[in-house]
Amino acid sequence: MLFVVTWKNRSGASAQENDASAARVLEVFAKWTPPSDLTFHQFLGRLDGTGGFAVVETFNPDALADAPAKFGTYLDFEIVPVNVITETTRLLAEGVTFRKSV
């Protein structure tokens, strides 16, 4: 199953505390290895430096919980299940056909 994972830096502290947090998350990230049952199709950083996106594939929900468990004190995560657009449009078309038949 495919998922889009987004994360944004937690902020709201003083500039000095935010700076220390940014340095720490980079230190932790340098030591992190994603679970072997996650396939990263894309791993992207925001150009404004506030977070990033990943398109990952897995059948193990525990693997998706790994990054939030390890980085959750520094980053806010959102994990959304997604599908390729051809499947999404097929399902939407089936929905339209169903509604017309009722």
Protein backbone atom coordinates (compact mmCIF):
# COMPACT_ATOMS: atom_id res chain seq x y z
CA MET A 1 0.00 0.00 0.00
CA LEU A 2 1.19 3.53 -0.81
CA PHE A 3 1.36 6.38 1.67
CA VAL A 4 2.35 10.03 1.50
CA VAL A 5 4.17 11.04 4.65
CA THR A 6 4.55 14.73 5.39
CA TRP A 7 6.45 16.35 8.21
CA LYS A 8 6.98 19.87 9.41
CA ASN A 9 9.37 21.21 11.97
CA ARG A 10 7.89 21.84 15.39
CA SER A 11 8.47 25.46 16.17
CA GLY A 12 7.08 28.04 18.54
CA ALA A 13 9.99 28.05 20.93
CA SER A 14 12.65 30.72 21.01
CA ALA A 15 14.93 31.11 18.00
CA GLN A 16 17.76 29.59 20.02
CA GLU A 17 15.63 26.57 21.01
CA ASN A 18 14.40 26.11 17.42
CA ASP A 19 17.99 26.25 16.21
CA ALA A 20 19.06 23.62 18.76
CA SER A 21 16.12 21.43 17.74
CA ALA A 22 17.05 21.70 14.05
CA ALA A 23 20.64 20.71 14.82
CA ARG A 24 19.47 17.79 16.95
CA VAL A 25 17.03 16.42 14.35
CA LEU A 26 19.82 16.45 11.76
CA GLU A 27 22.08 14.57 14.19
CA VAL A 28 19.40 11.95 14.87
CA PHE A 29 18.50 11.66 11.17
CA ALA A 30 22.14 10.95 10.29
CA LYS A 31 21.96 7.82 12.48
CA TRP A 32 18.48 6.69 11.38
CA THR A 33 17.93 3.75 9.08
CA PRO A 34 14.40 3.28 7.74
CA PRO A 35 12.77 -0.09 8.46
CA SER A 36 13.59 -2.67 5.81
CA ASP A 37 9.92 -3.18 4.97
CA LEU A 38 9.46 0.43 3.83
CA THR A 39 10.16 1.23 0.19
CA PHE A 40 10.80 4.93 -0.41
CA HIS A 41 9.68 5.89 -3.91
CA GLN A 42 10.40 9.58 -3.27
CA PHE A 43 11.99 11.37 -0.34
CA LEU A 44 11.68 15.14 -0.72
CA GLY A 45 12.58 18.20 1.33
CA ARG A 46 10.69 21.49 1.24
CA LEU A 47 12.72 24.32 -0.27
CA ASP A 48 11.62 26.62 2.53
CA GLY A 49 13.39 24.33 5.01
CA THR A 50 10.29 23.62 7.10
CA GLY A 51 9.82 19.91 6.43
CA GLY A 52 9.38 17.38 3.69
CA PHE A 53 7.44 14.63 1.97
CA ALA A 54 7.94 10.97 1.25
CA VAL A 55 6.03 8.52 -0.92
CA VAL A 56 6.48 5.14 0.73
CA GLU A 57 5.14 1.67 0.20
CA THR A 58 4.58 -0.95 2.88
CA PHE A 59 2.16 -3.56 4.10
CA ASN A 60 3.36 -3.14 7.69
CA PRO A 61 1.73 -0.25 9.59
CA ASP A 62 4.31 -0.59 12.37
CA ALA A 63 7.00 0.41 9.86
CA LEU A 64 5.12 3.66 9.24
CA ALA A 65 5.14 4.42 12.95
CA ASP A 66 8.94 4.20 13.16
CA ALA A 67 9.79 7.76 12.07
CA PRO A 68 7.11 9.49 14.15
CA ALA A 69 8.20 7.48 17.18
CA LYS A 70 11.83 8.52 16.71
CA PHE A 71 11.40 12.09 15.44
CA GLY A 72 8.06 13.11 16.95
CA THR A 73 9.61 15.45 19.50
CA TYR A 74 11.11 17.50 16.64
CA LEU A 75 8.62 17.06 13.77
CA ASP A 76 4.85 16.92 13.23
CA PHE A 77 3.84 14.04 10.94
CA GLU A 78 0.85 13.27 8.77
CA ILE A 79 0.53 9.88 7.06
CA VAL A 80 -2.08 9.54 4.32
CA PRO A 81 -2.89 6.36 2.38
CA VAL A 82 -2.95 7.07 -1.35
CA ASN A 83 -3.46 5.29 -4.64
CA VAL A 84 -2.20 5.80 -8.16
CA ILE A 85 -4.48 8.18 -10.04
CA THR A 86 -5.69 5.56 -12.53
CA GLU A 87 -7.09 3.51 -9.65
CA THR A 88 -8.57 6.57 -7.95
CA THR A 89 -10.37 7.68 -11.12
CA ARG A 90 -11.61 4.12 -11.75
CA LEU A 91 -13.12 4.02 -8.25
CA LEU A 92 -14.66 7.47 -8.67
CA ALA A 93 -16.20 6.40 -11.99
CA GLU A 94 -17.67 3.32 -10.30
CA GLY A 95 -19.17 5.61 -7.68
CA VAL A 96 -20.76 7.81 -10.34
CA THR A 97 -22.19 4.75 -12.10
CA PHE A 98 -23.60 3.44 -8.82
CA ARG A 99 -25.26 6.76 -7.94
CA LYS A 100 -26.85 6.97 -11.39
CA SER A 101 -28.27 3.47 -10.97
CA VAL A 102 -30.06 4.25 -7.73
